[in-house]
Amino acid sequence: MTPHTPDQVRALVEIAEALAREAGALVSDGRRNVTVSATKSSAQDVVTAMDFASEALLRTRLAELRPHDAILGEEEAFHPGTSGITWVVDPIDGTVNYLYGHSPYAVSVAAVMGPDPTVAPDPATWTALAGAVFSPEDGRSFTAGLGLGATLDGRVLRVNPPRSLIDSLVGTGFGYVASRRRVQGRIVAELLPRVRDIRRAGCASLDLCAVAAGGLDLYYERGLQPWDLAAGALIAQEAGAQVTGLRGGQAQEAMTVAGVPGAVEELRSILESLDADSDA
């Protein structure tokens, strides 16, 4: 049955939060013995043994609780389902922070619906139904359900009031491939004189949640994968943020921009003029 009613969405939110907390406890306990198991886009883009363990836990628990749903995770292949719902999971968002003992890392769990349940869903075409982002270091739990609003530990979230770009605190992130980082550095240099300041936390899901909670006015980043933004984007949207891409597109790998309506349009226009969605 396709979940559309508030009760059905609420049930998905409850599962997302419970599993994010469960995986969060696992990765927190494993912090004392972190080991690098693999690399991805570059030698600096690492995967730890706990990334794999956390995703294995999430997949096992989802198979028990929602056996007909599909699963898309960062570390393992897409597993198709028959229900029309796909769980998009990031077992540790902010793995480099986790490796170094910096606190901004999280577990992200979201339920989305795409046009074709037999293939991995695309942020440009999916509908996010439920999401949870859990921060193990401080125990914060962000949740949202489509049409139900967003919360932090049960407290309703709302984005900051509209303000000009020059008065906006902006979050961003960088890739791990040198050619992309050069371009991203140029973009930051162009933006810095036009905003209040720029922050780089190293955890996209928590950056999006910071927009929802008022800790950031705006956030942008090129290179986000589906698991990076699935839960966080829904939480930001349900808190009143505008979440978009560039040039009329949706938030996706090419570019994600989120924040207070009004300032988002101003930031998006600047990013488009700088070709921030290109690595050239």
C-alpha atoms as a PDB file:
ATOM      1  CA  MET A   1       0.000   0.000   0.000  1.00  0.00           C
ATOM      2  CA  THR A   2       1.434   3.378  -0.971  1.00  0.00           C
ATOM      3  CA  PRO A   3       1.776   5.468   2.194  1.00  0.00           C
ATOM      4  CA  HIS A   4       0.219   8.906   1.856  1.00  0.00           C
ATOM      5  CA  THR A   5      -1.809   9.394   5.025  1.00  0.00           C
ATOM      6  CA  PRO A   6      -0.282  11.225   7.994  1.00  0.00           C
ATOM      7  CA  ASP A   7      -0.403   8.077  10.111  1.00  0.00           C
ATOM      8  CA  GLN A   8       1.437   6.053   7.487  1.00  0.00           C
ATOM      9  CA  VAL A   9       4.090   8.735   7.059  1.00  0.00           C
ATOM     10  CA  ARG A  10       4.403   9.074  10.824  1.00  0.00           C
ATOM     11  CA  ALA A  11       5.064   5.333  11.090  1.00  0.00           C
ATOM     12  CA  LEU A  12       7.903   5.661   8.568  1.00  0.00           C
ATOM     13  CA  VAL A  13       9.370   8.561  10.560  1.00  0.00           C
ATOM     14  CA  GLU A  14       9.327   6.443  13.701  1.00  0.00           C
ATOM     15  CA  ILE A  15      11.210   3.640  11.943  1.00  0.00           C
ATOM     16  CA  ALA A  16      13.726   6.071  10.462  1.00  0.00           C
ATOM     17  CA  GLU A  17      14.474   7.631  13.840  1.00  0.00           C
ATOM     18  CA  ALA A  18      14.680   4.326  15.702  1.00  0.00           C
ATOM     19  CA  LEU A  19      17.118   2.856  13.174  1.00  0.00           C
ATOM     20  CA  ALA A  20      19.225   6.034  12.988  1.00  0.00           C
ATOM     21  CA  ARG A  21      19.562   5.938  16.777  1.00  0.00           C
ATOM     22  CA  GLU A  22      20.394   2.227  16.759  1.00  0.00           C
ATOM     23  CA  ALA A  23      23.098   2.625  14.125  1.00  0.00           C
ATOM     24  CA  GLY A  24      24.311   5.770  15.877  1.00  0.00           C
ATOM     25  CA  ALA A  25      24.888   3.842  19.085  1.00  0.00           C
ATOM     26  CA  LEU A  26      26.886   1.265  17.122  1.00  0.00           C
ATOM     27  CA  VAL A  27      29.182   3.806  15.472  1.00  0.00           C
ATOM     28  CA  SER A  28      29.615   5.758  18.703  1.00  0.00           C
ATOM     29  CA  ASP A  29      30.717   2.614  20.548  1.00  0.00           C
ATOM     30  CA  GLY A  30      33.115   1.834  17.694  1.00  0.00           C
ATOM     31  CA  ARG A  31      34.841   5.227  17.754  1.00  0.00           C
ATOM     32  CA  ARG A  32      37.643   3.934  19.969  1.00  0.00           C
ATOM     33  CA  ASN A  33      38.914   1.494  17.336  1.00  0.00           C
ATOM     34  CA  VAL A  34      38.444   3.213  13.984  1.00  0.00           C
ATOM     35  CA  THR A  35      40.204   1.622  11.013  1.00  0.00           C
ATOM     36  CA  VAL A  36      40.208   2.659   7.355  1.00  0.00           C
ATOM     37  CA  SER A  37      38.889  -0.150   5.155  1.00  0.00           C
ATOM     38  CA  ALA A  38      38.813   1.465   1.705  1.00  0.00           C
ATOM     39  CA  THR A  39      38.927   4.707  -0.267  1.00  0.00           C
ATOM     40  CA  LYS A  40      36.533   6.102  -2.870  1.00  0.00           C
ATOM     41  CA  SER A  41      36.968   9.199  -5.045  1.00  0.00           C
ATOM     42  CA  SER A  42      40.538   9.793  -3.838  1.00  0.00           C
ATOM     43  CA  ALA A  43      43.002   8.509  -1.260  1.00  0.00           C
ATOM     44  CA  GLN A  44      41.648  11.111   1.154  1.00  0.00           C
ATOM     45  CA  ASP A  45      38.015   9.993   0.722  1.00  0.00           C
ATOM     46  CA  VAL A  46      37.951   7.130   3.194  1.00  0.00           C
ATOM     47  CA  VAL A  47      35.573   4.400   4.317  1.00  0.00           C
ATOM     48  CA  THR A  48      35.938   2.864   7.769  1.00  0.00           C
ATOM     49  CA  ALA A  49      35.059  -0.613   8.931  1.00  0.00           C
ATOM     50  CA  MET A  50      32.286   0.972  10.974  1.00  0.00           C
ATOM     51  CA  ASP A  51      30.691   2.467   7.817  1.00  0.00           C
ATOM     52  CA  PHE A  52      30.196  -1.090   6.581  1.00  0.00           C
ATOM     53  CA  ALA A  53      29.038  -2.367   9.980  1.00  0.00           C
ATOM     54  CA  SER A  54      26.525   0.453  10.383  1.00  0.00           C
ATOM     55  CA  GLU A  55      25.051  -0.084   6.934  1.00  0.00           C
ATOM     56  CA  ALA A  56      24.842  -3.829   7.520  1.00  0.00           C
ATOM     57  CA  LEU A  57      22.863  -3.165  10.694  1.00  0.00           C
ATOM     58  CA  LEU A  58      20.502  -0.788   8.894  1.00  0.00           C
ATOM     59  CA  ARG A  59      19.927  -3.231   6.048  1.00  0.00           C
ATOM     60  CA  THR A  60      19.293  -6.125   8.429  1.00  0.00           C
ATOM     61  CA  ARG A  61      16.819  -4.169  10.521  1.00  0.00           C
ATOM     62  CA  LEU A  62      14.975  -2.816   7.476  1.00  0.00           C
ATOM     63  CA  ALA A  63      14.700  -6.333   6.060  1.00  0.00           C
ATOM     64  CA  GLU A  64      13.041  -7.345   9.328  1.00  0.00           C
ATOM     65  CA  LEU A  65      10.729  -4.338   9.651  1.00  0.00           C
ATOM     66  CA  ARG A  66       9.994  -3.539   5.989  1.00  0.00           C
ATOM     67  CA  PRO A  67      10.828  -6.653   3.953  1.00  0.00           C
ATOM     68  CA  HIS A  68       9.125  -5.446   0.749  1.00  0.00           C
ATOM     69  CA  ASP A  69      10.917  -2.075   0.593  1.00  0.00           C
ATOM     70  CA  ALA A  70      14.005  -1.292  -1.479  1.00  0.00           C
ATOM     71  CA  ILE A  71      17.242  -0.057   0.080  1.00  0.00           C
ATOM     72  CA  LEU A  72      19.869   2.320  -1.302  1.00  0.00           C
ATOM     73  CA  GLY A  73      22.962   2.793   0.859  1.00  0.00           C
ATOM     74  CA  GLU A  74      26.304   4.487   0.462  1.00  0.00           C
ATOM     75  CA  GLU A  75      28.458   1.396   0.852  1.00  0.00           C
ATOM     76  CA  GLU A  76      26.459  -1.438  -0.726  1.00  0.00           C
ATOM     77  CA  ALA A  77      24.504  -1.920  -3.945  1.00  0.00           C
ATOM     78  CA  PHE A  78      20.865  -0.960  -4.496  1.00  0.00           C
ATOM     79  CA  HIS A  79      18.519  -3.697  -3.312  1.00  0.00           C
ATOM     80  CA  PRO A  80      15.170  -3.510  -5.170  1.00  0.00           C
ATOM     81  CA  GLY A  81      11.805  -3.990  -3.519  1.00  0.00           C
ATOM     82  CA  THR A  82       8.145  -4.307  -4.457  1.00  0.00           C
ATOM     83  CA  SER A  83       6.376  -1.775  -2.205  1.00  0.00           C
ATOM     84  CA  GLY A  84       7.379   1.378  -4.081  1.00  0.00           C
ATOM     85  CA  ILE A  85       9.305   2.713  -1.082  1.00  0.00           C
ATOM     86  CA  THR A  86      13.103   2.928  -0.995  1.00  0.00           C
ATOM     87  CA  TRP A  87      15.101   3.516   2.174  1.00  0.00           C
ATOM     88  CA  VAL A  88      18.091   5.759   1.487  1.00  0.00           C
ATOM     89  CA  VAL A  89      20.717   5.381   4.213  1.00  0.00           C
ATOM     90  CA  ASP A  90      24.047   6.957   5.036  1.00  0.00           C
ATOM     91  CA  PRO A  91      25.654   4.794   7.724  1.00  0.00           C
ATOM     92  CA  ILE A  92      28.132   7.536   8.703  1.00  0.00           C
ATOM     93  CA  ASP A  93      27.817  10.954   7.132  1.00  0.00           C
ATOM     94  CA  GLY A  94      31.053  12.762   7.893  1.00  0.00           C
ATOM     95  CA  THR A  95      33.380   9.765   7.881  1.00  0.00           C
ATOM     96  CA  VAL A  96      36.566  11.865   7.875  1.00  0.00           C
ATOM     97  CA  ASN A  97      35.303  13.736  10.952  1.00  0.00           C
ATOM     98  CA  TYR A  98      34.545  10.360  12.534  1.00  0.00           C
ATOM     99  CA  LEU A  99      38.031   9.117  11.706  1.00  0.00           C
ATOM    100  CA  TYR A 100      39.665  12.168  13.307  1.00  0.00           C
ATOM    101  CA  GLY A 101      37.381  12.365  16.333  1.00  0.00           C
ATOM    102  CA  HIS A 102      35.601  15.559  15.286  1.00  0.00           C
ATOM    103  CA  SER A 103      31.996  15.658  16.429  1.00  0.00           C
ATOM    104  CA  PRO A 104      30.026  16.580  13.253  1.00  0.00           C
ATOM    105  CA  TYR A 105      29.059  13.132  11.971  1.00  0.00           C
ATOM    106  CA  ALA A 106      25.653  11.511  11.773  1.00  0.00           C
ATOM    107  CA  VAL A 107      23.544   8.572  10.670  1.00  0.00           C
ATOM    108  CA  SER A 108      20.934   9.486   8.054  1.00  0.00           C
ATOM    109  CA  VAL A 109      17.876   7.355   7.250  1.00  0.00           C
ATOM    110  CA  ALA A 110      15.110   8.353   4.833  1.00  0.00           C
ATOM    111  CA  ALA A 111      12.158   6.765   3.049  1.00  0.00           C
ATOM    112  CA  VAL A 112      11.448   7.999  -0.483  1.00  0.00           C
ATOM    113  CA  MET A 113       9.215   7.118  -3.421  1.00  0.00           C
ATOM    114  CA  GLY A 114      10.523   7.195  -6.990  1.00  0.00           C
ATOM    115  CA  PRO A 115       8.801   6.768 -10.346  1.00  0.00           C
ATOM    116  CA  ASP A 116      10.264   3.273 -10.862  1.00  0.00           C
ATOM    117  CA  PRO A 117      10.697   1.067  -7.768  1.00  0.00           C
ATOM    118  CA  THR A 118      12.918  -1.389  -9.642  1.00  0.00           C
ATOM    119  CA  VAL A 119      15.801   1.097 -10.019  1.00  0.00           C
ATOM    120  CA  ALA A 120      17.685   3.261  -7.559  1.00  0.00           C
ATOM    121  CA  PRO A 121      15.736   6.490  -6.958  1.00  0.00           C
ATOM    122  CA  ASP A 122      17.055   9.865  -8.076  1.00  0.00           C
ATOM    123  CA  PRO A 123      16.804  12.992  -5.883  1.00  0.00           C
ATOM    124  CA  ALA A 124      15.656  14.917  -8.962  1.00  0.00           C
ATOM    125  CA  THR A 125      12.518  12.782  -9.290  1.00  0.00           C
ATOM    126  CA  TRP A 126      11.818  11.147  -5.928  1.00  0.00           C
ATOM    127  CA  THR A 127       9.354  12.233  -3.246  1.00  0.00           C
ATOM    128  CA  ALA A 128      10.844  12.061   0.246  1.00  0.00           C
ATOM    129  CA  LEU A 129       8.299  10.790   2.771  1.00  0.00           C
ATOM    130  CA  ALA A 130      10.222  10.495   6.035  1.00  0.00           C
ATOM    131  CA  GLY A 131      13.672  11.176   7.356  1.00  0.00           C
ATOM    132  CA  ALA A 132      15.830  11.110  10.466  1.00  0.00           C
ATOM    133  CA  VAL A 133      19.342  12.395  11.111  1.00  0.00           C
ATOM    134  CA  PHE A 134      20.927  11.323  14.385  1.00  0.00           C
ATOM    135  CA  SER A 135      24.102  12.904  15.776  1.00  0.00           C
ATOM    136  CA  PRO A 136      25.728  10.318  18.083  1.00  0.00           C
ATOM    137  CA  GLU A 137      28.194  12.703  19.720  1.00  0.00           C
ATOM    138  CA  ASP A 138      25.552  14.930  21.301  1.00  0.00           C
ATOM    139  CA  GLY A 139      22.431  12.780  20.976  1.00  0.00           C
ATOM    140  CA  ARG A 140      20.482  15.216  18.808  1.00  0.00           C
ATOM    141  CA  SER A 141      17.729  13.619  16.731  1.00  0.00           C
ATOM    142  CA  PHE A 142      16.275  15.515  13.772  1.00  0.00           C
ATOM    143  CA  THR A 143      13.158  14.109  12.121  1.00  0.00           C
ATOM    144  CA  ALA A 144      10.613  15.072   9.479  1.00  0.00           C
ATOM    145  CA  GLY A 145       7.636  13.603   7.677  1.00  0.00           C
ATOM    146  CA  LEU A 146       6.111  14.885   4.476  1.00  0.00           C
ATOM    147  CA  GLY A 147       3.458  17.407   5.493  1.00  0.00           C
ATOM    148  CA  LEU A 148       4.112  16.803   9.206  1.00  0.00           C
ATOM    149  CA  GLY A 149       6.843  19.361   9.855  1.00  0.00           C
ATOM    150  CA  ALA A 150      10.340  18.905  11.254  1.00  0.00           C
ATOM    151  CA  THR A 151      11.532  18.460  14.822  1.00  0.00           C
ATOM    152  CA  LEU A 152      14.696  18.367  16.910  1.00  0.00           C
ATOM    153  CA  ASP A 153      14.219  16.058  19.890  1.00  0.00           C
ATOM    154  CA  GLY A 154      10.493  16.708  19.641  1.00  0.00           C
ATOM    155  CA  ARG A 155      10.782  20.501  19.335  1.00  0.00           C
ATOM    156  CA  VAL A 156       9.249  21.967  16.179  1.00  0.00           C
ATOM    157  CA  LEU A 157      11.856  23.518  13.868  1.00  0.00           C
ATOM    158  CA  ARG A 158      11.550  26.638  11.772  1.00  0.00           C
ATOM    159  CA  VAL A 159      14.132  28.347   9.580  1.00  0.00           C
ATOM    160  CA  ASN A 160      15.402  31.828  10.384  1.00  0.00           C
ATOM    161  CA  PRO A 161      13.416  34.875   9.262  1.00  0.00           C
ATOM    162  CA  PRO A 162      14.298  36.215   5.790  1.00  0.00           C
ATOM    163  CA  ARG A 163      17.464  38.291   5.650  1.00  0.00           C
ATOM    164  CA  SER A 164      19.808  39.670   3.010  1.00  0.00           C
ATOM    165  CA  LEU A 165      22.733  37.673   1.707  1.00  0.00           C
ATOM    166  CA  ILE A 166      25.286  39.982   3.350  1.00  0.00           C
ATOM    167  CA  ASP A 167      23.691  39.171   6.732  1.00  0.00           C
ATOM    168  CA  SER A 168      23.503  35.413   6.090  1.00  0.00           C
ATOM    169  CA  LEU A 169      25.655  32.693   7.639  1.00  0.00           C
ATOM    170  CA  VAL A 170      26.384  30.173   4.874  1.00  0.00           C
ATOM    171  CA  GLY A 171      27.456  26.544   5.135  1.00  0.00           C
ATOM    172  CA  THR A 172      29.202  24.574   2.417  1.00  0.00           C
ATOM    173  CA  GLY A 173      31.355  21.511   1.813  1.00  0.00           C
ATOM    174  CA  PHE A 174      34.089  20.309  -0.501  1.00  0.00           C
ATOM    175  CA  GLY A 175      34.797  17.200  -2.548  1.00  0.00           C
ATOM    176  CA  TYR A 176      37.912  15.055  -2.262  1.00  0.00           C
ATOM    177  CA  VAL A 177      39.132  15.298  -5.868  1.00  0.00           C
ATOM    178  CA  ALA A 178      41.721  18.043  -6.350  1.00  0.00           C
ATOM    179  CA  SER A 179      40.265  19.429  -9.590  1.00  0.00           C
ATOM    180  CA  ARG A 180      36.858  19.951  -7.994  1.00  0.00           C
ATOM    181  CA  ARG A 181      38.353  21.421  -4.825  1.00  0.00           C
ATOM    182  CA  ARG A 182      40.187  24.088  -6.868  1.00  0.00           C
ATOM    183  CA  VAL A 183      36.902  25.261  -8.343  1.00  0.00           C
ATOM    184  CA  GLN A 184      35.157  25.103  -4.971  1.00  0.00           C
ATOM    185  CA  GLY A 185      37.910  27.224  -3.455  1.00  0.00           C
ATOM    186  CA  ARG A 186      37.374  29.840  -6.158  1.00  0.00           C
ATOM    187  CA  ILE A 187      33.638  29.893  -5.457  1.00  0.00           C
ATOM    188  CA  VAL A 188      34.218  30.411  -1.725  1.00  0.00           C
ATOM    189  CA  ALA A 189      36.627  33.264  -2.425  1.00  0.00           C
ATOM    190  CA  GLU A 190      33.986  34.973  -4.554  1.00  0.00           C
ATOM    191  CA  LEU A 191      31.228  34.458  -1.992  1.00  0.00           C
ATOM    192  CA  LEU A 192      33.067  35.355   1.192  1.00  0.00           C
ATOM    193  CA  PRO A 193      32.899  39.158   0.768  1.00  0.00           C
ATOM    194  CA  ARG A 194      29.162  38.934  -0.007  1.00  0.00           C
ATOM    195  CA  VAL A 195      27.977  37.039   3.100  1.00  0.00           C
ATOM    196  CA  ARG A 196      28.192  37.299   6.890  1.00  0.00           C
ATOM    197  CA  ASP A 197      30.586  34.324   7.004  1.00  0.00           C
ATOM    198  CA  ILE A 198      31.055  30.778   5.750  1.00  0.00           C
ATOM    199  CA  ARG A 199      31.128  27.549   7.773  1.00  0.00           C
ATOM    200  CA  ARG A 200      32.395  24.104   6.774  1.00  0.00           C
ATOM    201  CA  ALA A 201      31.284  21.303   9.126  1.00  0.00           C
ATOM    202  CA  GLY A 202      32.037  18.287   6.937  1.00  0.00           C
ATOM    203  CA  CYS A 203      28.637  16.608   7.323  1.00  0.00           C
ATOM    204  CA  ALA A 204      25.996  17.469   4.727  1.00  0.00           C
ATOM    205  CA  SER A 205      23.031  16.001   6.588  1.00  0.00           C
ATOM    206  CA  LEU A 206      23.805  18.052   9.692  1.00  0.00           C
ATOM    207  CA  ASP A 207      24.366  21.159   7.550  1.00  0.00           C
ATOM    208  CA  LEU A 208      20.863  20.770   6.132  1.00  0.00           C
ATOM    209  CA  CYS A 209      19.520  20.208   9.632  1.00  0.00           C
ATOM    210  CA  ALA A 210      21.348  23.351  10.772  1.00  0.00           C
ATOM    211  CA  VAL A 211      19.388  25.306   8.159  1.00  0.00           C
ATOM    212  CA  ALA A 212      16.190  23.795   9.563  1.00  0.00           C
ATOM    213  CA  ALA A 213      17.156  24.689  13.134  1.00  0.00           C
ATOM    214  CA  GLY A 214      18.385  28.225  12.370  1.00  0.00           C
ATOM    215  CA  GLY A 215      22.072  27.483  12.886  1.00  0.00           C
ATOM    216  CA  LEU A 216      22.699  28.420   9.262  1.00  0.00           C
ATOM    217  CA  ASP A 217      20.777  30.747   6.988  1.00  0.00           C
ATOM    218  CA  LEU A 218      21.968  29.112   3.776  1.00  0.00           C
ATOM    219  CA  TYR A 219      23.842  26.034   2.600  1.00  0.00           C
ATOM    220  CA  TYR A 220      25.167  24.970  -0.776  1.00  0.00           C
ATOM    221  CA  GLU A 221      27.322  22.110  -1.979  1.00  0.00           C
ATOM    222  CA  ARG A 222      28.256  20.392  -5.217  1.00  0.00           C
ATOM    223  CA  GLY A 223      28.672  16.629  -5.251  1.00  0.00           C
ATOM    224  CA  LEU A 224      26.043  15.450  -2.776  1.00  0.00           C
ATOM    225  CA  GLN A 225      24.945  11.873  -3.309  1.00  0.00           C
ATOM    226  CA  PRO A 226      21.379  10.641  -2.691  1.00  0.00           C
ATOM    227  CA  TRP A 227      22.200   9.390   0.810  1.00  0.00           C
ATOM    228  CA  ASP A 228      23.818  12.723   1.714  1.00  0.00           C
ATOM    229  CA  LEU A 229      20.654  14.744   1.197  1.00  0.00           C
ATOM    230  CA  ALA A 230      17.616  12.431   1.411  1.00  0.00           C
ATOM    231  CA  ALA A 231      16.756  12.947   5.080  1.00  0.00           C
ATOM    232  CA  GLY A 232      18.391  16.337   5.599  1.00  0.00           C
ATOM    233  CA  ALA A 233      16.687  17.971   2.626  1.00  0.00           C
ATOM    234  CA  LEU A 234      13.253  16.833   3.813  1.00  0.00           C
ATOM    235  CA  ILE A 235      13.980  18.114   7.336  1.00  0.00           C
ATOM    236  CA  ALA A 236      15.037  21.492   5.932  1.00  0.00           C
ATOM    237  CA  GLN A 237      11.991  21.707   3.656  1.00  0.00           C
ATOM    238  CA  GLU A 238       9.552  20.774   6.402  1.00  0.00           C
ATOM    239  CA  ALA A 239      11.106  23.530   8.552  1.00  0.00           C
ATOM    240  CA  GLY A 240      10.331  26.072   5.828  1.00  0.00           C
ATOM    241  CA  ALA A 241      13.543  26.062   3.819  1.00  0.00           C
ATOM    242  CA  GLN A 242      13.682  26.191   0.065  1.00  0.00           C
ATOM    243  CA  VAL A 243      15.816  23.331  -1.282  1.00  0.00           C
ATOM    244  CA  THR A 244      16.758  23.519  -4.939  1.00  0.00           C
ATOM    245  CA  GLY A 245      19.445  23.077  -7.573  1.00  0.00           C
ATOM    246  CA  LEU A 246      20.692  25.537 -10.171  1.00  0.00           C
ATOM    247  CA  ARG A 247      19.219  26.603 -13.516  1.00  0.00           C
ATOM    248  CA  GLY A 248      15.706  25.476 -12.662  1.00  0.00           C
ATOM    249  CA  GLY A 249      16.789  22.003 -11.562  1.00  0.00           C
ATOM    250  CA  GLN A 250      16.149  20.048  -8.396  1.00  0.00           C
ATOM    251  CA  ALA A 251      18.653  19.556  -5.587  1.00  0.00           C
ATOM    252  CA  GLN A 252      21.009  16.797  -6.719  1.00  0.00           C
ATOM    253  CA  GLU A 253      24.672  15.954  -7.270  1.00  0.00           C
ATOM    254  CA  ALA A 254      25.312  18.901  -9.601  1.00  0.00           C
ATOM    255  CA  MET A 255      24.337  21.363  -6.862  1.00  0.00           C
ATOM    256  CA  THR A 256      22.191  21.580  -3.772  1.00  0.00           C
ATOM    257  CA  VAL A 257      21.159  24.967  -2.372  1.00  0.00           C
ATOM    258  CA  ALA A 258      19.056  25.280   0.774  1.00  0.00           C
ATOM    259  CA  GLY A 259      17.948  28.059   3.045  1.00  0.00           C
ATOM    260  CA  VAL A 260      15.666  30.913   3.850  1.00  0.00           C
ATOM    261  CA  PRO A 261      13.404  31.885   0.924  1.00  0.00           C
ATOM    262  CA  GLY A 262      14.571  35.103  -0.678  1.00  0.00           C
ATOM    263  CA  ALA A 263      18.213  34.678   0.217  1.00  0.00           C
ATOM    264  CA  VAL A 264      18.218  31.324  -1.593  1.00  0.00           C
ATOM    265  CA  GLU A 265      17.366  33.028  -4.873  1.00  0.00           C
ATOM    266  CA  GLU A 266      20.152  35.549  -4.371  1.00  0.00           C
ATOM    267  CA  LEU A 267      22.708  32.837  -3.591  1.00  0.00           C
ATOM    268  CA  ARG A 268      21.495  30.663  -6.467  1.00  0.00           C
ATOM    269  CA  SER A 269      21.900  33.537  -8.923  1.00  0.00           C
ATOM    270  CA  ILE A 270      25.497  34.105  -7.815  1.00  0.00           C
ATOM    271  CA  LEU A 271      26.331  30.393  -7.983  1.00  0.00           C
ATOM    272  CA  GLU A 272      24.905  30.203 -11.500  1.00  0.00           C
ATOM    273  CA  SER A 273      26.954  33.212 -12.597  1.00  0.00           C
ATOM    274  CA  LEU A 274      30.081  31.519 -11.204  1.00  0.00           C
ATOM    275  CA  ASP A 275      29.284  28.161 -12.883  1.00  0.00           C
ATOM    276  CA  ALA A 276      29.454  26.535  -9.478  1.00  0.00           C
ATOM    277  CA  ASP A 277      27.838  23.407 -10.904  1.00  0.00           C
ATOM    278  CA  SER A 278      30.872  22.795 -13.117  1.00  0.00           C
ATOM    279  CA  ASP A 279      34.346  21.482 -12.320  1.00  0.00           C
ATOM    280  CA  ALA A 280      35.939  23.559 -15.052  1.00  0.00           C
END
